[in-house]
Amino acid sequence: MSATLTAPPRKLTPDDLLRLPDRGKWFELVNGELKELNVSTLSSFTAGLIYFFLQAHVTSHRLGWVFPEGTSYHCFPDDPNRVRRADTAFHVLARLTPDRVAAEGHLTVAPDLVVEVISPNDLADEVNAKRIEWLAAGANLVWVVHPLQQTVHAYRADGTVRLFGPADALTAEPVLPDFRVPVADLFRLPTSPGA
């Protein structure tokens, strides 16, 4: 009887992800392995609303860069083969240059604010791992948004956590001290005129 040796599967690199169709838009890379993103229609809609509110505030005050769902980040020093995609992300103006934004590839600077919107198929352990990774990479604030419960957990780099419910105004201290939006507005679905 002879044993057959097989080589372990090759780990993918961040550059490999960019060579996939659509530049790997529906995947993240963790420890060199592809992880399919869990996306729902409601989570995408909610991420779009949050992007809209952040973009309006940031643009009117000229504070920095807001990126929509799908932007890829290769900014995790503990894993050179990790690429994550935030549902929305904000960078303070001084931390990201126009040249870097125009360059091809993944962003290598961690966002100051990361938004993760929960989809029905997201696992709690995976969401928690992403939150920890973002903060370890240098994010100052991570919002974990729950569309079905209509709540937002705000995790700060200093270890404090705050829960915002439907009756609260969502804030973004210390990243955007003047930002305020009613939490209920983040989950407001379109209605027909007169309804």
C-alpha atoms as a PDB file:
ATOM      1  CA  MET A   1       0.000   0.000   0.000  1.00  0.00           C
ATOM      2  CA  SER A   2       1.399   3.390  -0.924  1.00  0.00           C
ATOM      3  CA  ALA A   3       0.407   6.747   0.463  1.00  0.00           C
ATOM      4  CA  THR A   4      -0.321   9.618  -1.834  1.00  0.00           C
ATOM      5  CA  LEU A   5       0.853  12.979  -0.664  1.00  0.00           C
ATOM      6  CA  THR A   6      -1.176  15.957  -1.670  1.00  0.00           C
ATOM      7  CA  ALA A   7      -0.018  19.503  -1.361  1.00  0.00           C
ATOM      8  CA  PRO A   8      -2.092  21.700   0.921  1.00  0.00           C
ATOM      9  CA  PRO A   9      -4.285  24.141  -0.974  1.00  0.00           C
ATOM     10  CA  ARG A  10      -2.516  27.367  -1.804  1.00  0.00           C
ATOM     11  CA  LYS A  11      -3.646  30.345   0.226  1.00  0.00           C
ATOM     12  CA  LEU A  12      -4.980  33.211  -1.825  1.00  0.00           C
ATOM     13  CA  THR A  13      -3.429  36.650  -1.609  1.00  0.00           C
ATOM     14  CA  PRO A  14      -5.098  40.067  -1.718  1.00  0.00           C
ATOM     15  CA  ASP A  15      -3.845  40.391  -5.312  1.00  0.00           C
ATOM     16  CA  ASP A  16      -5.546  37.080  -6.201  1.00  0.00           C
ATOM     17  CA  LEU A  17      -8.832  38.499  -4.932  1.00  0.00           C
ATOM     18  CA  LEU A  18      -8.507  41.433  -7.332  1.00  0.00           C
ATOM     19  CA  ARG A  19      -8.057  39.000 -10.256  1.00  0.00           C
ATOM     20  CA  LEU A  20     -11.408  37.291  -9.610  1.00  0.00           C
ATOM     21  CA  PRO A  21     -14.452  38.305 -11.687  1.00  0.00           C
ATOM     22  CA  ASP A  22     -15.803  41.656 -10.463  1.00  0.00           C
ATOM     23  CA  ARG A  23     -12.547  41.973  -8.466  1.00  0.00           C
ATOM     24  CA  GLY A  24     -13.976  39.540  -5.899  1.00  0.00           C
ATOM     25  CA  LYS A  25     -16.766  41.966  -5.031  1.00  0.00           C
ATOM     26  CA  TRP A  26     -18.856  39.377  -3.160  1.00  0.00           C
ATOM     27  CA  PHE A  27     -15.975  37.952  -1.126  1.00  0.00           C
ATOM     28  CA  GLU A  28     -13.628  38.753   1.714  1.00  0.00           C
ATOM     29  CA  LEU A  29     -10.300  37.057   2.296  1.00  0.00           C
ATOM     30  CA  VAL A  30      -9.460  35.617   5.732  1.00  0.00           C
ATOM     31  CA  ASN A  31      -6.267  33.643   6.348  1.00  0.00           C
ATOM     32  CA  GLY A  32      -5.932  33.253   2.586  1.00  0.00           C
ATOM     33  CA  GLU A  33      -9.403  31.706   2.181  1.00  0.00           C
ATOM     34  CA  LEU A  34     -12.383  33.196   0.369  1.00  0.00           C
ATOM     35  CA  LYS A  35     -15.372  34.035   2.567  1.00  0.00           C
ATOM     36  CA  GLU A  36     -18.600  34.816   0.756  1.00  0.00           C
ATOM     37  CA  LEU A  37     -20.352  37.938   2.015  1.00  0.00           C
ATOM     38  CA  ASN A  38     -23.801  37.551   3.529  1.00  0.00           C
ATOM     39  CA  VAL A  39     -25.968  40.229   1.983  1.00  0.00           C
ATOM     40  CA  SER A  40     -29.700  40.790   2.129  1.00  0.00           C
ATOM     41  CA  THR A  41     -31.865  43.340   0.381  1.00  0.00           C
ATOM     42  CA  LEU A  42     -32.751  44.991   3.700  1.00  0.00           C
ATOM     43  CA  SER A  43     -29.131  45.150   4.880  1.00  0.00           C
ATOM     44  CA  SER A  44     -28.035  46.692   1.561  1.00  0.00           C
ATOM     45  CA  PHE A  45     -30.862  49.238   1.697  1.00  0.00           C
ATOM     46  CA  THR A  46     -29.958  50.143   5.290  1.00  0.00           C
ATOM     47  CA  ALA A  47     -26.256  50.458   4.394  1.00  0.00           C
ATOM     48  CA  GLY A  48     -27.272  52.809   1.586  1.00  0.00           C
ATOM     49  CA  LEU A  49     -29.269  55.019   3.963  1.00  0.00           C
ATOM     50  CA  ILE A  50     -26.374  55.193   6.409  1.00  0.00           C
ATOM     51  CA  TYR A  51     -24.008  56.053   3.556  1.00  0.00           C
ATOM     52  CA  PHE A  52     -26.418  58.830   2.483  1.00  0.00           C
ATOM     53  CA  PHE A  53     -26.579  60.401   5.968  1.00  0.00           C
ATOM     54  CA  LEU A  54     -22.829  60.173   6.519  1.00  0.00           C
ATOM     55  CA  GLN A  55     -22.002  61.475   3.045  1.00  0.00           C
ATOM     56  CA  ALA A  56     -24.335  64.468   3.437  1.00  0.00           C
ATOM     57  CA  HIS A  57     -22.755  65.425   6.773  1.00  0.00           C
ATOM     58  CA  VAL A  58     -19.156  64.815   5.714  1.00  0.00           C
ATOM     59  CA  THR A  59     -19.531  66.653   2.390  1.00  0.00           C
ATOM     60  CA  SER A  60     -21.248  69.691   3.881  1.00  0.00           C
ATOM     61  CA  HIS A  61     -18.457  70.063   6.458  1.00  0.00           C
ATOM     62  CA  ARG A  62     -15.572  68.912   4.186  1.00  0.00           C
ATOM     63  CA  LEU A  63     -14.445  66.315   6.699  1.00  0.00           C
ATOM     64  CA  GLY A  64     -13.144  63.452   4.568  1.00  0.00           C
ATOM     65  CA  TRP A  65     -14.068  60.418   2.540  1.00  0.00           C
ATOM     66  CA  VAL A  66     -17.159  58.181   2.802  1.00  0.00           C
ATOM     67  CA  PHE A  67     -17.097  54.869   0.946  1.00  0.00           C
ATOM     68  CA  PRO A  68     -20.129  52.738   0.095  1.00  0.00           C
ATOM     69  CA  GLU A  69     -20.711  49.033   0.463  1.00  0.00           C
ATOM     70  CA  GLY A  70     -18.091  46.881  -1.230  1.00  0.00           C
ATOM     71  CA  THR A  71     -14.898  48.912  -0.780  1.00  0.00           C
ATOM     72  CA  SER A  72     -12.076  46.501   0.043  1.00  0.00           C
ATOM     73  CA  TYR A  73      -9.495  46.972   2.802  1.00  0.00           C
ATOM     74  CA  HIS A  74      -6.118  45.299   3.188  1.00  0.00           C
ATOM     75  CA  CYS A  75      -5.086  46.984   6.452  1.00  0.00           C
ATOM     76  CA  PHE A  76      -4.783  44.154   8.989  1.00  0.00           C
ATOM     77  CA  PRO A  77      -1.194  43.796  10.239  1.00  0.00           C
ATOM     78  CA  ASP A  78      -1.819  40.447  11.971  1.00  0.00           C
ATOM     79  CA  ASP A  79      -2.886  38.748   8.710  1.00  0.00           C
ATOM     80  CA  PRO A  80      -1.235  39.776   5.417  1.00  0.00           C
ATOM     81  CA  ASN A  81      -3.826  37.689   3.551  1.00  0.00           C
ATOM     82  CA  ARG A  82      -6.908  39.373   5.023  1.00  0.00           C
ATOM     83  CA  VAL A  83      -9.192  41.644   3.027  1.00  0.00           C
ATOM     84  CA  ARG A  84     -12.422  42.935   4.536  1.00  0.00           C
ATOM     85  CA  ARG A  85     -15.270  44.933   3.036  1.00  0.00           C
ATOM     86  CA  ALA A  86     -17.177  47.418   5.168  1.00  0.00           C
ATOM     87  CA  ASP A  87     -20.842  48.162   4.469  1.00  0.00           C
ATOM     88  CA  THR A  88     -19.940  51.845   4.768  1.00  0.00           C
ATOM     89  CA  ALA A  89     -16.708  53.486   5.909  1.00  0.00           C
ATOM     90  CA  PHE A  90     -15.460  56.978   6.710  1.00  0.00           C
ATOM     91  CA  HIS A  91     -11.878  58.296   6.610  1.00  0.00           C
ATOM     92  CA  VAL A  92     -10.832  61.614   8.123  1.00  0.00           C
ATOM     93  CA  LEU A  93      -9.572  63.870   5.334  1.00  0.00           C
ATOM     94  CA  ALA A  94      -5.981  64.060   6.626  1.00  0.00           C
ATOM     95  CA  ARG A  95      -5.580  60.257   6.717  1.00  0.00           C
ATOM     96  CA  LEU A  96      -6.317  59.489   3.067  1.00  0.00           C
ATOM     97  CA  THR A  97      -4.870  61.311   0.075  1.00  0.00           C
ATOM     98  CA  PRO A  98      -6.538  61.720  -3.320  1.00  0.00           C
ATOM     99  CA  ASP A  99      -3.586  59.853  -4.889  1.00  0.00           C
ATOM    100  CA  ARG A 100      -4.213  56.840  -2.652  1.00  0.00           C
ATOM    101  CA  VAL A 101      -7.914  56.841  -3.512  1.00  0.00           C
ATOM    102  CA  ALA A 102      -7.102  56.971  -7.236  1.00  0.00           C
ATOM    103  CA  ALA A 103      -4.653  54.050  -6.982  1.00  0.00           C
ATOM    104  CA  GLU A 104      -5.755  50.564  -7.998  1.00  0.00           C
ATOM    105  CA  GLY A 105      -6.207  47.839  -5.439  1.00  0.00           C
ATOM    106  CA  HIS A 106      -7.384  47.604  -1.867  1.00  0.00           C
ATOM    107  CA  LEU A 107      -7.282  50.514   0.546  1.00  0.00           C
ATOM    108  CA  THR A 108      -4.443  49.978   3.007  1.00  0.00           C
ATOM    109  CA  VAL A 109      -5.507  52.596   5.557  1.00  0.00           C
ATOM    110  CA  ALA A 110      -8.073  51.511   8.152  1.00  0.00           C
ATOM    111  CA  PRO A 111     -11.229  53.634   8.200  1.00  0.00           C
ATOM    112  CA  ASP A 112     -11.889  55.891  11.176  1.00  0.00           C
ATOM    113  CA  LEU A 113     -15.529  54.751  11.251  1.00  0.00           C
ATOM    114  CA  VAL A 114     -16.716  51.348  10.026  1.00  0.00           C
ATOM    115  CA  VAL A 115     -20.347  50.348   9.536  1.00  0.00           C
ATOM    116  CA  GLU A 116     -21.314  46.673   9.573  1.00  0.00           C
ATOM    117  CA  VAL A 117     -24.993  46.022   8.793  1.00  0.00           C
ATOM    118  CA  ILE A 118     -26.268  42.647   9.959  1.00  0.00           C
ATOM    119  CA  SER A 119     -27.910  40.297   7.441  1.00  0.00           C
ATOM    120  CA  PRO A 120     -30.135  37.360   8.493  1.00  0.00           C
ATOM    121  CA  ASN A 121     -27.405  34.809   7.648  1.00  0.00           C
ATOM    122  CA  ASP A 122     -24.609  36.582   9.551  1.00  0.00           C
ATOM    123  CA  LEU A 123     -23.208  34.587  12.462  1.00  0.00           C
ATOM    124  CA  ALA A 124     -22.635  36.438  15.739  1.00  0.00           C
ATOM    125  CA  ASP A 125     -19.083  35.084  16.118  1.00  0.00           C
ATOM    126  CA  GLU A 126     -18.110  36.244  12.631  1.00  0.00           C
ATOM    127  CA  VAL A 127     -19.551  39.737  13.124  1.00  0.00           C
ATOM    128  CA  ASN A 128     -17.788  40.004  16.480  1.00  0.00           C
ATOM    129  CA  ALA A 129     -14.490  38.886  14.900  1.00  0.00           C
ATOM    130  CA  LYS A 130     -14.804  41.544  12.194  1.00  0.00           C
ATOM    131  CA  ARG A 131     -15.534  44.234  14.772  1.00  0.00           C
ATOM    132  CA  ILE A 132     -12.435  43.253  16.763  1.00  0.00           C
ATOM    133  CA  GLU A 133     -10.314  43.178  13.578  1.00  0.00           C
ATOM    134  CA  TRP A 134     -11.441  46.659  12.497  1.00  0.00           C
ATOM    135  CA  LEU A 135     -10.627  48.146  15.903  1.00  0.00           C
ATOM    136  CA  ALA A 136      -7.252  46.353  16.068  1.00  0.00           C
ATOM    137  CA  ALA A 137      -6.413  47.714  12.589  1.00  0.00           C
ATOM    138  CA  GLY A 138      -6.938  51.296  13.766  1.00  0.00           C
ATOM    139  CA  ALA A 139     -10.633  52.115  13.404  1.00  0.00           C
ATOM    140  CA  ASN A 140     -11.833  54.468  16.134  1.00  0.00           C
ATOM    141  CA  LEU A 141     -15.500  53.513  15.934  1.00  0.00           C
ATOM    142  CA  VAL A 142     -17.458  50.532  14.614  1.00  0.00           C
ATOM    143  CA  TRP A 143     -21.229  50.628  14.265  1.00  0.00           C
ATOM    144  CA  VAL A 144     -22.917  47.218  14.206  1.00  0.00           C
ATOM    145  CA  VAL A 145     -26.358  47.875  12.785  1.00  0.00           C
ATOM    146  CA  HIS A 146     -29.313  45.526  13.327  1.00  0.00           C
ATOM    147  CA  PRO A 147     -32.095  46.350  10.807  1.00  0.00           C
ATOM    148  CA  LEU A 148     -34.621  43.875  12.206  1.00  0.00           C
ATOM    149  CA  GLN A 149     -34.230  45.122  15.792  1.00  0.00           C
ATOM    150  CA  GLN A 150     -33.665  48.710  14.609  1.00  0.00           C
ATOM    151  CA  THR A 151     -30.678  49.206  16.892  1.00  0.00           C
ATOM    152  CA  VAL A 152     -27.044  50.235  16.533  1.00  0.00           C
ATOM    153  CA  HIS A 153     -24.202  49.119  18.795  1.00  0.00           C
ATOM    154  CA  ALA A 154     -21.349  51.652  18.764  1.00  0.00           C
ATOM    155  CA  TYR A 155     -17.967  50.120  19.685  1.00  0.00           C
ATOM    156  CA  ARG A 156     -15.197  52.630  20.376  1.00  0.00           C
ATOM    157  CA  ALA A 157     -11.449  52.059  20.296  1.00  0.00           C
ATOM    158  CA  ASP A 158     -11.280  52.898  24.024  1.00  0.00           C
ATOM    159  CA  GLY A 159     -13.379  49.777  24.746  1.00  0.00           C
ATOM    160  CA  THR A 160     -16.648  51.539  25.533  1.00  0.00           C
ATOM    161  CA  VAL A 161     -19.898  50.404  23.915  1.00  0.00           C
ATOM    162  CA  ARG A 162     -23.185  52.225  23.536  1.00  0.00           C
ATOM    163  CA  LEU A 163     -26.535  50.892  22.360  1.00  0.00           C
ATOM    164  CA  PHE A 164     -28.721  53.234  20.319  1.00  0.00           C
ATOM    165  CA  GLY A 165     -32.416  52.364  19.978  1.00  0.00           C
ATOM    166  CA  PRO A 166     -35.228  53.697  17.776  1.00  0.00           C
ATOM    167  CA  ALA A 167     -35.939  56.634  20.110  1.00  0.00           C
ATOM    168  CA  ASP A 168     -32.292  57.787  20.187  1.00  0.00           C
ATOM    169  CA  ALA A 169     -30.195  60.035  17.978  1.00  0.00           C
ATOM    170  CA  LEU A 170     -27.165  58.157  16.630  1.00  0.00           C
ATOM    171  CA  THR A 171     -23.864  59.936  17.272  1.00  0.00           C
ATOM    172  CA  ALA A 172     -20.352  59.244  16.024  1.00  0.00           C
ATOM    173  CA  GLU A 173     -18.054  60.483  18.780  1.00  0.00           C
ATOM    174  CA  PRO A 174     -15.114  60.718  18.795  1.00  0.00           C
ATOM    175  CA  VAL A 175     -14.827  60.473  15.002  1.00  0.00           C
ATOM    176  CA  LEU A 176     -17.558  62.915  13.908  1.00  0.00           C
ATOM    177  CA  PRO A 177     -18.515  64.905  17.024  1.00  0.00           C
ATOM    178  CA  ASP A 178     -21.252  66.948  15.309  1.00  0.00           C
ATOM    179  CA  PHE A 179     -22.959  64.058  13.519  1.00  0.00           C
ATOM    180  CA  ARG A 180     -26.524  63.275  14.679  1.00  0.00           C
ATOM    181  CA  VAL A 181     -29.296  61.342  12.963  1.00  0.00           C
ATOM    182  CA  PRO A 182     -32.452  59.836  14.459  1.00  0.00           C
ATOM    183  CA  VAL A 183     -31.948  56.067  14.623  1.00  0.00           C
ATOM    184  CA  ALA A 184     -35.506  55.580  13.336  1.00  0.00           C
ATOM    185  CA  ASP A 185     -34.507  57.379  10.102  1.00  0.00           C
ATOM    186  CA  LEU A 186     -31.887  54.702   9.380  1.00  0.00           C
ATOM    187  CA  PHE A 187     -34.629  52.079   9.165  1.00  0.00           C
ATOM    188  CA  ARG A 188     -37.420  54.084   7.539  1.00  0.00           C
ATOM    189  CA  LEU A 189     -38.746  52.237   4.499  1.00  0.00           C
ATOM    190  CA  PRO A 190     -40.222  54.104   1.537  1.00  0.00           C
ATOM    191  CA  THR A 191     -43.980  54.543   1.509  1.00  0.00           C
ATOM    192  CA  SER A 192     -46.358  55.624  -1.213  1.00  0.00           C
ATOM    193  CA  PRO A 193     -47.455  59.288  -1.241  1.00  0.00           C
ATOM    194  CA  GLY A 194     -50.249  59.982   1.212  1.00  0.00           C
ATOM    195  CA  ALA A 195     -49.556  56.859   3.261  1.00  0.00           C
END
